[in-house]
Amino acid sequence: MIINKETLKNIAHLARLDFEEKEADKMILNMNKILTWMEQLNEVNTDNVMPLIHISREINVLREDVVKPSLSHEKGLLNAPKKDSNYFRVPKVIE
């Protein structure tokens, strides 16, 4: 696959990228280099190679879910910088 200006414009539109026209030639050159390198991977013999399920052999250590009592309303509001009776006071963000 060869990247040309039209393909680059389509990719930029899909990725919501905006760049100047003078950067297009450099971008096309770099993308073509990447695709050429990727095509070289097709030449590697992978017949007897099992697909990877995980990149590393590390195992996540997760804790057991234990039901615990939640904070009371009063304790939850103790460290609030601003509160209004039973609610947190926050700056208005919707116009």
C-alpha atoms as a PDB file:
ATOM      1  CA  MET A   1       0.000   0.000   0.000  1.00  0.00           C
ATOM      2  CA  ILE A   2       1.285   3.419  -0.933  1.00  0.00           C
ATOM      3  CA  ILE A   3       0.099   6.552   0.831  1.00  0.00           C
ATOM      4  CA  ASN A   4      -0.689   9.509  -1.425  1.00  0.00           C
ATOM      5  CA  LYS A   5      -2.131  12.932  -0.614  1.00  0.00           C
ATOM      6  CA  GLU A   6      -5.730  11.784  -0.988  1.00  0.00           C
ATOM      7  CA  THR A   7      -5.214   8.802   1.330  1.00  0.00           C
ATOM      8  CA  LEU A   8      -3.412  11.038   3.807  1.00  0.00           C
ATOM      9  CA  LYS A   9      -6.339  13.481   3.790  1.00  0.00           C
ATOM     10  CA  ASN A  10      -8.777  10.632   4.455  1.00  0.00           C
ATOM     11  CA  ILE A  11      -6.676   9.248   7.309  1.00  0.00           C
ATOM     12  CA  ALA A  12      -6.262  12.728   8.793  1.00  0.00           C
ATOM     13  CA  HIS A  13     -10.014  13.276   8.617  1.00  0.00           C
ATOM     14  CA  LEU A  14     -10.785   9.945  10.296  1.00  0.00           C
ATOM     15  CA  ALA A  15      -8.189  10.575  13.018  1.00  0.00           C
ATOM     16  CA  ARG A  16      -9.325  14.185  13.426  1.00  0.00           C
ATOM     17  CA  LEU A  17      -5.807  15.426  12.673  1.00  0.00           C
ATOM     18  CA  ASP A  18      -5.130  18.886  11.374  1.00  0.00           C
ATOM     19  CA  PHE A  19      -1.781  19.797   9.868  1.00  0.00           C
ATOM     20  CA  GLU A  20      -0.484  22.278   7.352  1.00  0.00           C
ATOM     21  CA  GLU A  21      -0.110  21.416   3.676  1.00  0.00           C
ATOM     22  CA  LYS A  22       3.672  21.825   3.820  1.00  0.00           C
ATOM     23  CA  GLU A  23       3.845  19.026   6.409  1.00  0.00           C
ATOM     24  CA  ALA A  24       1.939  16.624   4.122  1.00  0.00           C
ATOM     25  CA  ASP A  25       4.965  15.541   2.056  1.00  0.00           C
ATOM     26  CA  LYS A  26       6.986  14.700   5.158  1.00  0.00           C
ATOM     27  CA  MET A  27       3.988  12.848   6.638  1.00  0.00           C
ATOM     28  CA  ILE A  28       3.514  10.839   3.415  1.00  0.00           C
ATOM     29  CA  LEU A  29       7.200   9.910   3.363  1.00  0.00           C
ATOM     30  CA  ASN A  30       7.140   8.778   7.012  1.00  0.00           C
ATOM     31  CA  MET A  31       3.931   6.775   6.615  1.00  0.00           C
ATOM     32  CA  ASN A  32       5.290   5.031   3.514  1.00  0.00           C
ATOM     33  CA  LYS A  33       8.463   4.108   5.424  1.00  0.00           C
ATOM     34  CA  ILE A  34       6.344   2.607   8.205  1.00  0.00           C
ATOM     35  CA  LEU A  35       4.214   0.627   5.753  1.00  0.00           C
ATOM     36  CA  THR A  36       7.311  -0.652   3.930  1.00  0.00           C
ATOM     37  CA  TRP A  37       8.724  -1.864   7.228  1.00  0.00           C
ATOM     38  CA  MET A  38       5.395  -3.514   8.106  1.00  0.00           C
ATOM     39  CA  GLU A  39       5.384  -5.328   4.752  1.00  0.00           C
ATOM     40  CA  GLN A  40       8.746  -6.873   5.641  1.00  0.00           C
ATOM     41  CA  LEU A  41       7.013  -8.632   8.537  1.00  0.00           C
ATOM     42  CA  ASN A  42       4.981 -10.631   5.993  1.00  0.00           C
ATOM     43  CA  GLU A  43       8.220 -12.337   4.937  1.00  0.00           C
ATOM     44  CA  VAL A  44       8.814 -13.795   8.416  1.00  0.00           C
ATOM     45  CA  ASN A  45       7.965 -17.500   8.669  1.00  0.00           C
ATOM     46  CA  THR A  46       5.432 -17.894  11.485  1.00  0.00           C
ATOM     47  CA  ASP A  47       4.164 -21.381  10.669  1.00  0.00           C
ATOM     48  CA  ASN A  48       5.165 -23.009  13.968  1.00  0.00           C
ATOM     49  CA  VAL A  49       4.736 -19.973  16.187  1.00  0.00           C
ATOM     50  CA  MET A  50       1.829 -20.003  18.610  1.00  0.00           C
ATOM     51  CA  PRO A  51      -0.090 -16.734  18.862  1.00  0.00           C
ATOM     52  CA  LEU A  52       0.488 -14.687  21.983  1.00  0.00           C
ATOM     53  CA  ILE A  53      -2.394 -14.349  24.375  1.00  0.00           C
ATOM     54  CA  HIS A  54      -0.496 -12.046  26.730  1.00  0.00           C
ATOM     55  CA  ILE A  55       2.663 -10.056  26.157  1.00  0.00           C
ATOM     56  CA  SER A  56       4.142 -10.901  29.543  1.00  0.00           C
ATOM     57  CA  ARG A  57       3.837 -13.819  31.923  1.00  0.00           C
ATOM     58  CA  GLU A  58       2.912 -11.542  34.832  1.00  0.00           C
ATOM     59  CA  ILE A  59      -0.329 -12.375  36.577  1.00  0.00           C
ATOM     60  CA  ASN A  60      -2.552  -9.729  38.102  1.00  0.00           C
ATOM     61  CA  VAL A  61      -2.927 -10.146  41.817  1.00  0.00           C
ATOM     62  CA  LEU A  62      -6.461  -9.123  42.619  1.00  0.00           C
ATOM     63  CA  ARG A  63      -8.021  -8.973  46.038  1.00  0.00           C
ATOM     64  CA  GLU A  64     -11.192 -10.825  46.852  1.00  0.00           C
ATOM     65  CA  ASP A  65     -14.375  -8.784  46.810  1.00  0.00           C
ATOM     66  CA  VAL A  66     -15.462  -8.421  50.398  1.00  0.00           C
ATOM     67  CA  VAL A  67     -18.682  -6.717  51.387  1.00  0.00           C
ATOM     68  CA  LYS A  68     -17.919  -3.931  53.844  1.00  0.00           C
ATOM     69  CA  PRO A  69     -20.146  -1.246  55.263  1.00  0.00           C
ATOM     70  CA  SER A  70     -19.975   1.984  53.272  1.00  0.00           C
ATOM     71  CA  LEU A  71     -19.321   5.442  54.694  1.00  0.00           C
ATOM     72  CA  SER A  72     -22.217   7.163  56.303  1.00  0.00           C
ATOM     73  CA  HIS A  73     -23.479  10.355  54.708  1.00  0.00           C
ATOM     74  CA  GLU A  74     -22.028  12.417  57.548  1.00  0.00           C
ATOM     75  CA  LYS A  75     -18.576  10.806  57.399  1.00  0.00           C
ATOM     76  CA  GLY A  76     -18.508  11.206  53.619  1.00  0.00           C
ATOM     77  CA  LEU A  77     -19.045  14.955  53.957  1.00  0.00           C
ATOM     78  CA  LEU A  78     -16.554  15.460  56.816  1.00  0.00           C
ATOM     79  CA  ASN A  79     -13.588  16.484  54.615  1.00  0.00           C
ATOM     80  CA  ALA A  80     -15.620  18.282  51.947  1.00  0.00           C
ATOM     81  CA  PRO A  81     -14.177  21.764  51.314  1.00  0.00           C
ATOM     82  CA  LYS A  82     -17.722  23.085  50.820  1.00  0.00           C
ATOM     83  CA  LYS A  83     -21.017  21.447  51.648  1.00  0.00           C
ATOM     84  CA  ASP A  84     -24.649  22.424  51.675  1.00  0.00           C
ATOM     85  CA  SER A  85     -26.630  20.418  54.242  1.00  0.00           C
ATOM     86  CA  ASN A  86     -26.394  16.896  52.720  1.00  0.00           C
ATOM     87  CA  TYR A  87     -24.536  17.659  49.454  1.00  0.00           C
ATOM     88  CA  PHE A  88     -21.072  18.578  48.168  1.00  0.00           C
ATOM     89  CA  ARG A  89     -20.877  22.160  46.878  1.00  0.00           C
ATOM     90  CA  VAL A  90     -18.969  22.382  43.575  1.00  0.00           C
ATOM     91  CA  PRO A  91     -18.512  25.185  41.044  1.00  0.00           C
ATOM     92  CA  LYS A  92     -21.163  25.392  38.345  1.00  0.00           C
ATOM     93  CA  VAL A  93     -19.802  23.969  35.085  1.00  0.00           C
ATOM     94  CA  ILE A  94     -22.898  24.022  32.866  1.00  0.00           C
ATOM     95  CA  GLU A  95     -23.808  27.366  31.360  1.00  0.00           C
END
